[in-house]
mmCIF file of all heavy atoms, coordinates in Angstrom:
data_MODEL
# 
_entry.id   MODEL 
# 
loop_
_atom_site.group_PDB 
_atom_site.id 
_atom_site.type_symbol 
_atom_site.label_atom_id 
_atom_site.label_alt_id 
_atom_site.label_comp_id 
_atom_site.label_asym_id 
_atom_site.label_entity_id 
_atom_site.label_seq_id 
_atom_site.pdbx_PDB_ins_code 
_atom_site.Cartn_x 
_atom_site.Cartn_y 
_atom_site.Cartn_z 
_atom_site.occupancy 
_atom_site.B_iso_or_equiv 
_atom_site.pdbx_formal_charge 
_atom_site.auth_seq_id 
_atom_site.auth_comp_id 
_atom_site.auth_asym_id 
_atom_site.auth_atom_id 
_atom_site.pdbx_PDB_model_num 
ATOM 1   N N   . ARG A 1 1  ? 305.309 91.468  -9.201  1.00 0.00 ? 1  ARG A N   1 
ATOM 2   C CA  . ARG A 1 1  ? 304.311 91.651  -10.268 1.00 0.00 ? 1  ARG A CA  1 
ATOM 3   C C   . ARG A 1 1  ? 303.732 90.314  -10.716 1.00 0.00 ? 1  ARG A C   1 
ATOM 4   O O   . ARG A 1 1  ? 303.222 90.204  -11.835 1.00 0.00 ? 1  ARG A O   1 
ATOM 5   C CB  . ARG A 1 1  ? 304.935 92.369  -11.462 1.00 0.00 ? 1  ARG A CB  1 
ATOM 6   C CG  . ARG A 1 1  ? 305.528 93.732  -11.152 1.00 0.00 ? 1  ARG A CG  1 
ATOM 7   C CD  . ARG A 1 1  ? 305.832 94.506  -12.435 1.00 0.00 ? 1  ARG A CD  1 
ATOM 8   N NE  . ARG A 1 1  ? 306.675 93.736  -13.342 1.00 0.00 ? 1  ARG A NE  1 
ATOM 9   C CZ  . ARG A 1 1  ? 306.891 94.050  -14.619 1.00 0.00 ? 1  ARG A CZ  1 
ATOM 10  N NH1 . ARG A 1 1  ? 306.325 95.110  -15.134 1.00 0.00 ? 1  ARG A NH1 1 
ATOM 11  N NH2 . ARG A 1 1  ? 307.683 93.304  -15.373 1.00 0.00 ? 1  ARG A NH2 1 
ATOM 12  N N   . SER A 1 2  ? 303.790 89.296  -9.874  1.00 0.00 ? 2  SER A N   1 
ATOM 13  C CA  . SER A 1 2  ? 303.388 87.955  -10.283 1.00 0.00 ? 2  SER A CA  1 
ATOM 14  C C   . SER A 1 2  ? 301.923 87.882  -10.718 1.00 0.00 ? 2  SER A C   1 
ATOM 15  O O   . SER A 1 2  ? 301.584 87.170  -11.669 1.00 0.00 ? 2  SER A O   1 
ATOM 16  C CB  . SER A 1 2  ? 303.649 86.953  -9.153  1.00 0.00 ? 2  SER A CB  1 
ATOM 17  O OG  . SER A 1 2  ? 303.005 87.341  -7.957  1.00 0.00 ? 2  SER A OG  1 
ATOM 18  N N   . LYS A 1 3  ? 301.050 88.629  -10.051 1.00 0.00 ? 3  LYS A N   1 
ATOM 19  C CA  . LYS A 1 3  ? 299.633 88.616  -10.424 1.00 0.00 ? 3  LYS A CA  1 
ATOM 20  C C   . LYS A 1 3  ? 299.440 89.140  -11.844 1.00 0.00 ? 3  LYS A C   1 
ATOM 21  O O   . LYS A 1 3  ? 298.706 88.548  -12.653 1.00 0.00 ? 3  LYS A O   1 
ATOM 22  C CB  . LYS A 1 3  ? 298.834 89.468  -9.430  1.00 0.00 ? 3  LYS A CB  1 
ATOM 23  C CG  . LYS A 1 3  ? 297.344 89.484  -9.657  1.00 0.00 ? 3  LYS A CG  1 
ATOM 24  C CD  . LYS A 1 3  ? 296.646 90.332  -8.587  1.00 0.00 ? 3  LYS A CD  1 
ATOM 25  C CE  . LYS A 1 3  ? 295.147 90.415  -8.816  1.00 0.00 ? 3  LYS A CE  1 
ATOM 26  N NZ  . LYS A 1 3  ? 294.483 91.280  -7.799  1.00 0.00 ? 3  LYS A NZ  1 
ATOM 27  N N   . LEU A 1 4  ? 300.130 90.221  -12.168 1.00 0.00 ? 4  LEU A N   1 
ATOM 28  C CA  . LEU A 1 4  ? 300.055 90.772  -13.517 1.00 0.00 ? 4  LEU A CA  1 
ATOM 29  C C   . LEU A 1 4  ? 300.625 89.794  -14.536 1.00 0.00 ? 4  LEU A C   1 
ATOM 30  O O   . LEU A 1 4  ? 300.017 89.547  -15.586 1.00 0.00 ? 4  LEU A O   1 
ATOM 31  C CB  . LEU A 1 4  ? 300.827 92.090  -13.589 1.00 0.00 ? 4  LEU A CB  1 
ATOM 32  C CG  . LEU A 1 4  ? 301.091 92.607  -15.005 1.00 0.00 ? 4  LEU A CG  1 
ATOM 33  C CD1 . LEU A 1 4  ? 299.803 93.086  -15.655 1.00 0.00 ? 4  LEU A CD1 1 
ATOM 34  C CD2 . LEU A 1 4  ? 302.132 93.710  -15.001 1.00 0.00 ? 4  LEU A CD2 1 
ATOM 35  N N   . LEU A 1 5  ? 301.779 89.217  -14.248 1.00 0.00 ? 5  LEU A N   1 
ATOM 36  C CA  . LEU A 1 5  ? 302.431 88.329  -15.209 1.00 0.00 ? 5  LEU A CA  1 
ATOM 37  C C   . LEU A 1 5  ? 301.600 87.087  -15.486 1.00 0.00 ? 5  LEU A C   1 
ATOM 38  O O   . LEU A 1 5  ? 301.519 86.623  -16.628 1.00 0.00 ? 5  LEU A O   1 
ATOM 39  C CB  . LEU A 1 5  ? 303.817 87.948  -14.711 1.00 0.00 ? 5  LEU A CB  1 
ATOM 40  C CG  . LEU A 1 5  ? 304.830 89.098  -14.666 1.00 0.00 ? 5  LEU A CG  1 
ATOM 41  C CD1 . LEU A 1 5  ? 306.125 88.654  -14.016 1.00 0.00 ? 5  LEU A CD1 1 
ATOM 42  C CD2 . LEU A 1 5  ? 305.103 89.631  -16.059 1.00 0.00 ? 5  LEU A CD2 1 
ATOM 43  N N   . ARG A 1 6  ? 300.957 86.564  -14.473 1.00 0.00 ? 6  ARG A N   1 
ATOM 44  C CA  . ARG A 1 6  ? 300.092 85.399  -14.696 1.00 0.00 ? 6  ARG A CA  1 
ATOM 45  C C   . ARG A 1 6  ? 298.910 85.773  -15.589 1.00 0.00 ? 6  ARG A C   1 
ATOM 46  O O   . ARG A 1 6  ? 298.486 84.987  -16.439 1.00 0.00 ? 6  ARG A O   1 
ATOM 47  C CB  . ARG A 1 6  ? 299.613 84.836  -13.359 1.00 0.00 ? 6  ARG A CB  1 
ATOM 48  C CG  . ARG A 1 6  ? 300.728 84.186  -12.550 1.00 0.00 ? 6  ARG A CG  1 
ATOM 49  C CD  . ARG A 1 6  ? 300.185 83.416  -11.345 1.00 0.00 ? 6  ARG A CD  1 
ATOM 50  N NE  . ARG A 1 6  ? 301.269 82.800  -10.598 1.00 0.00 ? 6  ARG A NE  1 
ATOM 51  C CZ  . ARG A 1 6  ? 301.832 83.330  -9.509  1.00 0.00 ? 6  ARG A CZ  1 
ATOM 52  N NH1 . ARG A 1 6  ? 301.390 84.498  -9.041  1.00 0.00 ? 6  ARG A NH1 1 
ATOM 53  N NH2 . ARG A 1 6  ? 302.817 82.712  -8.900  1.00 0.00 ? 6  ARG A NH2 1 
ATOM 54  N N   . ALA A 1 7  ? 298.385 86.978  -15.406 1.00 0.00 ? 7  ALA A N   1 
ATOM 55  C CA  . ALA A 1 7  ? 297.285 87.429  -16.277 1.00 0.00 ? 7  ALA A CA  1 
ATOM 56  C C   . ALA A 1 7  ? 297.772 87.615  -17.709 1.00 0.00 ? 7  ALA A C   1 
ATOM 57  O O   . ALA A 1 7  ? 297.066 87.270  -18.663 1.00 0.00 ? 7  ALA A O   1 
ATOM 58  C CB  . ALA A 1 7  ? 296.696 88.728  -15.742 1.00 0.00 ? 7  ALA A CB  1 
ATOM 59  N N   . LEU A 1 8  ? 298.973 88.148  -17.869 1.00 0.00 ? 8  LEU A N   1 
ATOM 60  C CA  . LEU A 1 8  ? 299.509 88.345  -19.218 1.00 0.00 ? 8  LEU A CA  1 
ATOM 61  C C   . LEU A 1 8  ? 299.755 87.028  -19.937 1.00 0.00 ? 8  LEU A C   1 
ATOM 62  O O   . LEU A 1 8  ? 299.595 86.938  -21.156 1.00 0.00 ? 8  LEU A O   1 
ATOM 63  C CB  . LEU A 1 8  ? 300.805 89.155  -19.156 1.00 0.00 ? 8  LEU A CB  1 
ATOM 64  C CG  . LEU A 1 8  ? 300.670 90.643  -18.835 1.00 0.00 ? 8  LEU A CG  1 
ATOM 65  C CD1 . LEU A 1 8  ? 302.046 91.290  -18.719 1.00 0.00 ? 8  LEU A CD1 1 
ATOM 66  C CD2 . LEU A 1 8  ? 299.833 91.365  -19.894 1.00 0.00 ? 8  LEU A CD2 1 
ATOM 67  N N   . THR A 1 9  ? 300.154 85.989  -19.197 1.00 0.00 ? 9  THR A N   1 
ATOM 68  C CA  . THR A 1 9  ? 300.413 84.706  -19.858 1.00 0.00 ? 9  THR A CA  1 
ATOM 69  C C   . THR A 1 9  ? 299.144 84.097  -20.434 1.00 0.00 ? 9  THR A C   1 
ATOM 70  O O   . THR A 1 9  ? 299.218 83.280  -21.360 1.00 0.00 ? 9  THR A O   1 
ATOM 71  C CB  . THR A 1 9  ? 301.063 83.695  -18.893 1.00 0.00 ? 9  THR A CB  1 
ATOM 72  O OG1 . THR A 1 9  ? 300.207 83.495  -17.764 1.00 0.00 ? 9  THR A OG1 1 
ATOM 73  C CG2 . THR A 1 9  ? 302.419 84.185  -18.431 1.00 0.00 ? 9  THR A CG2 1 
ATOM 74  N N   . GLU A 1 10 ? 297.990 84.504  -19.933 1.00 0.00 ? 10 GLU A N   1 
ATOM 75  C CA  . GLU A 1 10 ? 296.733 83.993  -20.472 1.00 0.00 ? 10 GLU A CA  1 
ATOM 76  C C   . GLU A 1 10 ? 296.501 84.464  -21.906 1.00 0.00 ? 10 GLU A C   1 
ATOM 77  O O   . GLU A 1 10 ? 295.744 83.837  -22.653 1.00 0.00 ? 10 GLU A O   1 
ATOM 78  C CB  . GLU A 1 10 ? 295.566 84.435  -19.589 1.00 0.00 ? 10 GLU A CB  1 
ATOM 79  C CG  . GLU A 1 10 ? 295.599 83.873  -18.181 1.00 0.00 ? 10 GLU A CG  1 
ATOM 80  C CD  . GLU A 1 10 ? 294.497 84.443  -17.312 1.00 0.00 ? 10 GLU A CD  1 
ATOM 81  O OE1 . GLU A 1 10 ? 293.644 85.204  -17.847 1.00 0.00 ? 10 GLU A OE1 1 
ATOM 82  O OE2 . GLU A 1 10 ? 294.471 84.146  -16.104 1.00 0.00 ? 10 GLU A OE2 1 
ATOM 83  N N   . ARG A 1 11 ? 297.146 85.566  -22.285 1.00 0.00 ? 11 ARG A N   1 
ATOM 84  C CA  . ARG A 1 11 ? 296.950 86.117  -23.626 1.00 0.00 ? 11 ARG A CA  1 
ATOM 85  C C   . ARG A 1 11 ? 298.263 86.227  -24.396 1.00 0.00 ? 11 ARG A C   1 
ATOM 86  O O   . ARG A 1 11 ? 298.316 86.901  -25.422 1.00 0.00 ? 11 ARG A O   1 
ATOM 87  C CB  . ARG A 1 11 ? 296.302 87.500  -23.509 1.00 0.00 ? 11 ARG A CB  1 
ATOM 88  C CG  . ARG A 1 11 ? 297.088 88.454  -22.628 1.00 0.00 ? 11 ARG A CG  1 
ATOM 89  C CD  . ARG A 1 11 ? 296.285 89.645  -22.167 1.00 0.00 ? 11 ARG A CD  1 
ATOM 90  N NE  . ARG A 1 11 ? 295.759 90.455  -23.233 1.00 0.00 ? 11 ARG A NE  1 
ATOM 91  C CZ  . ARG A 1 11 ? 295.107 91.593  -23.059 1.00 0.00 ? 11 ARG A CZ  1 
ATOM 92  N NH1 . ARG A 1 11 ? 294.906 92.035  -21.834 1.00 0.00 ? 11 ARG A NH1 1 
ATOM 93  N NH2 . ARG A 1 11 ? 294.655 92.279  -24.073 1.00 0.00 ? 11 ARG A NH2 1 
ATOM 94  N N   . SER A 1 12 ? 299.319 85.573  -23.906 1.00 0.00 ? 12 SER A N   1 
ATOM 95  C CA  . SER A 1 12 ? 300.654 85.746  -24.487 1.00 0.00 ? 12 SER A CA  1 
ATOM 96  C C   . SER A 1 12 ? 301.289 84.412  -24.855 1.00 0.00 ? 12 SER A C   1 
ATOM 97  O O   . SER A 1 12 ? 300.976 83.368  -24.280 1.00 0.00 ? 12 SER A O   1 
ATOM 98  C CB  . SER A 1 12 ? 301.586 86.456  -23.490 1.00 0.00 ? 12 SER A CB  1 
ATOM 99  O OG  . SER A 1 12 ? 301.084 87.704  -23.111 1.00 0.00 ? 12 SER A OG  1 
ATOM 100 N N   . LYS A 1 13 ? 302.222 84.469  -25.780 1.00 0.00 ? 13 LYS A N   1 
ATOM 101 C CA  . LYS A 1 13 ? 303.170 83.381  -26.001 1.00 0.00 ? 13 LYS A CA  1 
ATOM 102 C C   . LYS A 1 13 ? 304.327 83.601  -25.035 1.00 0.00 ? 13 LYS A C   1 
ATOM 103 O O   . LYS A 1 13 ? 304.669 84.735  -24.714 1.00 0.00 ? 13 LYS A O   1 
ATOM 104 C CB  . LYS A 1 13 ? 303.678 83.400  -27.442 1.00 0.00 ? 13 LYS A CB  1 
ATOM 105 C CG  . LYS A 1 13 ? 302.591 83.189  -28.489 1.00 0.00 ? 13 LYS A CG  1 
ATOM 106 C CD  . LYS A 1 13 ? 303.173 83.313  -29.882 1.00 0.00 ? 13 LYS A CD  1 
ATOM 107 C CE  . LYS A 1 13 ? 302.094 83.162  -30.947 1.00 0.00 ? 13 LYS A CE  1 
ATOM 108 N NZ  . LYS A 1 13 ? 302.649 83.347  -32.325 1.00 0.00 ? 13 LYS A NZ  1 
ATOM 109 N N   . VAL A 1 14 ? 304.940 82.494  -24.591 1.00 0.00 ? 14 VAL A N   1 
ATOM 110 C CA  . VAL A 1 14 ? 305.984 82.587  -23.571 1.00 0.00 ? 14 VAL A CA  1 
ATOM 111 C C   . VAL A 1 14 ? 307.222 81.829  -24.019 1.00 0.00 ? 14 VAL A C   1 
ATOM 112 O O   . VAL A 1 14 ? 307.130 80.697  -24.478 1.00 0.00 ? 14 VAL A O   1 
ATOM 113 C CB  . VAL A 1 14 ? 305.500 82.014  -22.222 1.00 0.00 ? 14 VAL A CB  1 
ATOM 114 C CG1 . VAL A 1 14 ? 306.599 82.133  -21.171 1.00 0.00 ? 14 VAL A CG1 1 
ATOM 115 C CG2 . VAL A 1 14 ? 304.237 82.727  -21.748 1.00 0.00 ? 14 VAL A CG2 1 
ATOM 116 N N   . GLN A 1 15 ? 308.372 82.482  -23.887 1.00 0.00 ? 15 GLN A N   1 
ATOM 117 C CA  . GLN A 1 15 ? 309.669 81.819  -23.983 1.00 0.00 ? 15 GLN A CA  1 
ATOM 118 C C   . GLN A 1 15 ? 310.291 81.910  -22.600 1.00 0.00 ? 15 GLN A C   1 
ATOM 119 O O   . GLN A 1 15 ? 310.313 82.982  -21.995 1.00 0.00 ? 15 GLN A O   1 
ATOM 120 C CB  . GLN A 1 15 ? 310.582 82.541  -24.983 1.00 0.00 ? 15 GLN A CB  1 
ATOM 121 C CG  . GLN A 1 15 ? 310.069 82.548  -26.411 1.00 0.00 ? 15 GLN A CG  1 
ATOM 122 C CD  . GLN A 1 15 ? 310.684 81.444  -27.266 1.00 0.00 ? 15 GLN A CD  1 
ATOM 123 O OE1 . GLN A 1 15 ? 311.132 80.429  -26.733 1.00 0.00 ? 15 GLN A OE1 1 
ATOM 124 N NE2 . GLN A 1 15 ? 310.706 81.652  -28.552 1.00 0.00 ? 15 GLN A NE2 1 
ATOM 125 N N   . ALA A 1 16 ? 310.802 80.782  -22.085 1.00 0.00 ? 16 ALA A N   1 
ATOM 126 C CA  . ALA A 1 16 ? 311.379 80.803  -20.749 1.00 0.00 ? 16 ALA A CA  1 
ATOM 127 C C   . ALA A 1 16 ? 312.538 79.828  -20.661 1.00 0.00 ? 16 ALA A C   1 
ATOM 128 O O   . ALA A 1 16 ? 312.538 78.782  -21.316 1.00 0.00 ? 16 ALA A O   1 
ATOM 129 C CB  . ALA A 1 16 ? 310.320 80.448  -19.706 1.00 0.00 ? 16 ALA A CB  1 
ATOM 130 N N   . SER A 1 17 ? 313.514 80.184  -19.877 1.00 0.00 ? 17 SER A N   1 
ATOM 131 C CA  . SER A 1 17 ? 314.661 79.321  -19.608 1.00 0.00 ? 17 SER A CA  1 
ATOM 132 C C   . SER A 1 17 ? 315.193 79.678  -18.233 1.00 0.00 ? 17 SER A C   1 
ATOM 133 O O   . SER A 1 17 ? 314.648 80.550  -17.539 1.00 0.00 ? 17 SER A O   1 
ATOM 134 C CB  . SER A 1 17 ? 315.744 79.510  -20.668 1.00 0.00 ? 17 SER A CB  1 
ATOM 135 O OG  . SER A 1 17 ? 316.485 80.696  -20.427 1.00 0.00 ? 17 SER A OG  1 
ATOM 136 N N   . ALA A 1 18 ? 316.280 79.029  -17.837 1.00 0.00 ? 18 ALA A N   1 
ATOM 137 C CA  . ALA A 1 18 ? 316.899 79.359  -16.556 1.00 0.00 ? 18 ALA A CA  1 
ATOM 138 C C   . ALA A 1 18 ? 317.426 80.785  -16.541 1.00 0.00 ? 18 ALA A C   1 
ATOM 139 O O   . ALA A 1 18 ? 317.628 81.365  -15.464 1.00 0.00 ? 18 ALA A O   1 
ATOM 140 C CB  . ALA A 1 18 ? 318.026 78.378  -16.260 1.00 0.00 ? 18 ALA A CB  1 
ATOM 141 N N   . ASP A 1 19 ? 317.630 81.393  -17.722 1.00 0.00 ? 19 ASP A N   1 
ATOM 142 C CA  . ASP A 1 19 ? 318.167 82.751  -17.813 1.00 0.00 ? 19 ASP A CA  1 
ATOM 143 C C   . ASP A 1 19 ? 317.107 83.833  -17.671 1.00 0.00 ? 19 ASP A C   1 
ATOM 144 O O   . ASP A 1 19 ? 317.420 84.972  -17.336 1.00 0.00 ? 19 ASP A O   1 
ATOM 145 C CB  . ASP A 1 19 ? 318.895 82.948  -19.142 1.00 0.00 ? 19 ASP A CB  1 
ATOM 146 C CG  . ASP A 1 19 ? 320.194 82.164  -19.208 1.00 0.00 ? 19 ASP A CG  1 
ATOM 147 O OD1 . ASP A 1 19 ? 320.902 82.121  -18.191 1.00 0.00 ? 19 ASP A OD1 1 
ATOM 148 O OD2 . ASP A 1 19 ? 320.476 81.598  -20.268 1.00 0.00 ? 19 ASP A OD2 1 
ATOM 149 N N   . GLY A 1 20 ? 315.843 83.484  -17.969 1.00 0.00 ? 20 GLY A N   1 
ATOM 150 C CA  . GLY A 1 20 ? 314.813 84.511  -17.897 1.00 0.00 ? 20 GLY A CA  1 
ATOM 151 C C   . GLY A 1 20 ? 313.570 84.119  -18.659 1.00 0.00 ? 20 GLY A C   1 
ATOM 152 O O   . GLY A 1 20 ? 313.328 82.935  -18.939 1.00 0.00 ? 20 GLY A O   1 
ATOM 153 N N   . PHE A 1 21 ? 312.765 85.128  -19.039 1.00 0.00 ? 21 PHE A N   1 
ATOM 154 C CA  . PHE A 1 21 ? 311.531 84.868  -19.775 1.00 0.00 ? 21 PHE A CA  1 
ATOM 155 C C   . PHE A 1 21 ? 311.230 86.036  -20.700 1.00 0.00 ? 21 PHE A C   1 
ATOM 156 O O   . PHE A 1 21 ? 311.713 87.164  -20.511 1.00 0.00 ? 21 PHE A O   1 
ATOM 157 C CB  . PHE A 1 21 ? 310.352 84.634  -18.820 1.00 0.00 ? 21 PHE A CB  1 
ATOM 158 C CG  . PHE A 1 21 ? 309.959 85.851  -18.026 1.00 0.00 ? 21 PHE A CG  1 
ATOM 159 C CD1 . PHE A 1 21 ? 309.026 86.758  -18.508 1.00 0.00 ? 21 PHE A CD1 1 
ATOM 160 C CD2 . PHE A 1 21 ? 310.528 86.102  -16.792 1.00 0.00 ? 21 PHE A CD2 1 
ATOM 161 C CE1 . PHE A 1 21 ? 308.674 87.888  -17.782 1.00 0.00 ? 21 PHE A CE1 1 
ATOM 162 C CE2 . PHE A 1 21 ? 310.183 87.224  -16.049 1.00 0.00 ? 21 PHE A CE2 1 
ATOM 163 C CZ  . PHE A 1 21 ? 309.249 88.109  -16.545 1.00 0.00 ? 21 PHE A CZ  1 
ATOM 164 N N   . CYS A 1 22 ? 310.400 85.753  -21.696 1.00 0.00 ? 22 CYS A N   1 
ATOM 165 C CA  . CYS A 1 22 ? 309.952 86.781  -22.635 1.00 0.00 ? 22 CYS A CA  1 
ATOM 166 C C   . CYS A 1 22 ? 308.532 86.452  -23.062 1.00 0.00 ? 22 CYS A C   1 
ATOM 167 O O   . CYS A 1 22 ? 308.237 85.296  -23.385 1.00 0.00 ? 22 CYS A O   1 
ATOM 168 C CB  . CYS A 1 22 ? 310.887 86.825  -23.851 1.00 0.00 ? 22 CYS A CB  1 
ATOM 169 S SG  . CYS A 1 22 ? 310.536 88.184  -25.006 1.00 0.00 ? 22 CYS A SG  1 
ATOM 170 N N   . LEU A 1 23 ? 307.660 87.458  -23.037 1.00 0.00 ? 23 LEU A N   1 
ATOM 171 C CA  . LEU A 1 23 ? 306.265 87.292  -23.427 1.00 0.00 ? 23 LEU A CA  1 
ATOM 172 C C   . LEU A 1 23 ? 305.976 88.108  -24.680 1.00 0.00 ? 23 LEU A C   1 
ATOM 173 O O   . LEU A 1 23 ? 306.624 89.121  -24.940 1.00 0.00 ? 23 LEU A O   1 
ATOM 174 C CB  . LEU A 1 23 ? 305.330 87.769  -22.311 1.00 0.00 ? 23 LEU A CB  1 
ATOM 175 C CG  . LEU A 1 23 ? 304.975 86.772  -21.194 1.00 0.00 ? 23 LEU A CG  1 
ATOM 176 C CD1 . LEU A 1 23 ? 306.215 86.285  -20.463 1.00 0.00 ? 23 LEU A CD1 1 
ATOM 177 C CD2 . LEU A 1 23 ? 303.988 87.402  -20.209 1.00 0.00 ? 23 LEU A CD2 1 
ATOM 178 N N   . SER A 1 24 ? 304.985 87.653  -25.432 1.00 0.00 ? 24 SER A N   1 
ATOM 179 C CA  . SER A 1 24 ? 304.540 88.384  -26.625 1.00 0.00 ? 24 SER A CA  1 
ATOM 180 C C   . SER A 1 24 ? 303.043 88.185  -26.772 1.00 0.00 ? 24 SER A C   1 
ATOM 181 O O   . SER A 1 24 ? 302.539 87.062  -26.660 1.00 0.00 ? 24 SER A O   1 
ATOM 182 C CB  . SER A 1 24 ? 305.272 87.855  -27.865 1.00 0.00 ? 24 SER A CB  1 
ATOM 183 O OG  . SER A 1 24 ? 304.788 88.475  -29.033 1.00 0.00 ? 24 SER A OG  1 
ATOM 184 N N   . ARG A 1 25 ? 302.307 89.295  -27.003 1.00 0.00 ? 25 ARG A N   1 
ATOM 185 C CA  . ARG A 1 25 ? 300.857 89.212  -27.091 1.00 0.00 ? 25 ARG A CA  1 
ATOM 186 C C   . ARG A 1 25 ? 300.351 90.022  -28.284 1.00 0.00 ? 25 ARG A C   1 
ATOM 187 O O   . ARG A 1 25 ? 300.980 91.000  -28.706 1.00 0.00 ? 25 ARG A O   1 
ATOM 188 C CB  . ARG A 1 25 ? 300.210 89.712  -25.802 1.00 0.00 ? 25 ARG A CB  1 
ATOM 189 C CG  . ARG A 1 25 ? 300.490 91.161  -25.445 1.00 0.00 ? 25 ARG A CG  1 
ATOM 190 C CD  . ARG A 1 25 ? 299.964 91.500  -24.053 1.00 0.00 ? 25 ARG A CD  1 
ATOM 191 N NE  . ARG A 1 25 ? 300.085 92.911  -23.703 1.00 0.00 ? 25 ARG A NE  1 
ATOM 192 C CZ  . ARG A 1 25 ? 301.142 93.436  -23.065 1.00 0.00 ? 25 ARG A CZ  1 
ATOM 193 N NH1 . ARG A 1 25 ? 302.180 92.668  -22.746 1.00 0.00 ? 25 ARG A NH1 1 
ATOM 194 N NH2 . ARG A 1 25 ? 301.158 94.721  -22.759 1.00 0.00 ? 25 ARG A NH2 1 
ATOM 195 N N   . PRO A 1 26 ? 299.202 89.639  -28.839 1.00 0.00 ? 26 PRO A N   1 
ATOM 196 C CA  . PRO A 1 26 ? 298.650 90.390  -29.966 1.00 0.00 ? 26 PRO A CA  1 
ATOM 197 C C   . PRO A 1 26 ? 298.112 91.735  -29.528 1.00 0.00 ? 26 PRO A C   1 
ATOM 198 O O   . PRO A 1 26 ? 297.525 91.867  -28.443 1.00 0.00 ? 26 PRO A O   1 
ATOM 199 C CB  . PRO A 1 26 ? 297.531 89.480  -30.489 1.00 0.00 ? 26 PRO A CB  1 
ATOM 200 C CG  . PRO A 1 26 ? 297.127 88.651  -29.297 1.00 0.00 ? 26 PRO A CG  1 
ATOM 201 C CD  . PRO A 1 26 ? 298.376 88.468  -28.498 1.00 0.00 ? 26 PRO A CD  1 
ATOM 202 N N   . GLY A 1 27 ? 298.319 92.756  -30.341 1.00 0.00 ? 27 GLY A N   1 
ATOM 203 C CA  . GLY A 1 27 ? 297.782 94.084  -30.081 1.00 0.00 ? 27 GLY A CA  1 
ATOM 204 C C   . GLY A 1 27 ? 296.829 94.503  -31.182 1.00 0.00 ? 27 GLY A C   1 
ATOM 205 O O   . GLY A 1 27 ? 296.631 93.776  -32.158 1.00 0.00 ? 27 GLY A O   1 
ATOM 206 N N   . ARG A 1 28 ? 296.235 95.674  -31.039 1.00 0.00 ? 28 ARG A N   1 
ATOM 207 C CA  . ARG A 1 28 ? 295.252 96.142  -32.029 1.00 0.00 ? 28 ARG A CA  1 
ATOM 208 C C   . ARG A 1 28 ? 295.914 96.421  -33.370 1.00 0.00 ? 28 ARG A C   1 
ATOM 209 O O   . ARG A 1 28 ? 295.352 96.130  -34.421 1.00 0.00 ? 28 ARG A O   1 
ATOM 210 C CB  . ARG A 1 28 ? 294.570 97.408  -31.507 1.00 0.00 ? 28 ARG A CB  1 
ATOM 211 C CG  . ARG A 1 28 ? 293.455 97.924  -32.413 1.00 0.00 ? 28 ARG A CG  1 
ATOM 212 C CD  . ARG A 1 28 ? 292.623 98.974  -31.696 1.00 0.00 ? 28 ARG A CD  1 
ATOM 213 N NE  . ARG A 1 28 ? 293.411 100.135 -31.325 1.00 0.00 ? 28 ARG A NE  1 
ATOM 214 C CZ  . ARG A 1 28 ? 293.575 101.197 -32.114 1.00 0.00 ? 28 ARG A CZ  1 
ATOM 215 N NH1 . ARG A 1 28 ? 293.020 101.228 -33.321 1.00 0.00 ? 28 ARG A NH1 1 
ATOM 216 N NH2 . ARG A 1 28 ? 294.285 102.233 -31.720 1.00 0.00 ? 28 ARG A NH2 1 
ATOM 217 N N   . ARG A 1 29 ? 297.130 96.974  -33.329 1.00 0.00 ? 29 ARG A N   1 
ATOM 218 C CA  . ARG A 1 29 ? 297.821 97.326  -34.571 1.00 0.00 ? 29 ARG A CA  1 
ATOM 219 C C   . ARG A 1 29 ? 298.958 96.376  -34.910 1.00 0.00 ? 29 ARG A C   1 
ATOM 220 O O   . ARG A 1 29 ? 299.278 96.188  -36.082 1.00 0.00 ? 29 ARG A O   1 
ATOM 221 C CB  . ARG A 1 29 ? 298.374 98.749  -34.479 1.00 0.00 ? 29 ARG A CB  1 
ATOM 222 C CG  . ARG A 1 29 ? 297.311 99.819  -34.370 1.00 0.00 ? 29 ARG A CG  1 
ATOM 223 C CD  . ARG A 1 29 ? 297.935 101.210 -34.357 1.00 0.00 ? 29 ARG A CD  1 
ATOM 224 N NE  . ARG A 1 29 ? 296.938 102.256 -34.312 1.00 0.00 ? 29 ARG A NE  1 
ATOM 225 C CZ  . ARG A 1 29 ? 297.219 103.553 -34.261 1.00 0.00 ? 29 ARG A CZ  1 
ATOM 226 N NH1 . ARG A 1 29 ? 298.482 103.948 -34.239 1.00 0.00 ? 29 ARG A NH1 1 
ATOM 227 N NH2 . ARG A 1 29 ? 296.249 104.449 -34.218 1.00 0.00 ? 29 ARG A NH2 1 
# 
């Protein structure tokens, strides 16, 4: 899903470490 994840990072905040990653993006509500 790398293509999707790269697109999501354009609109998301990212936390990442050797253990994994977490994204957060603004929504309508």
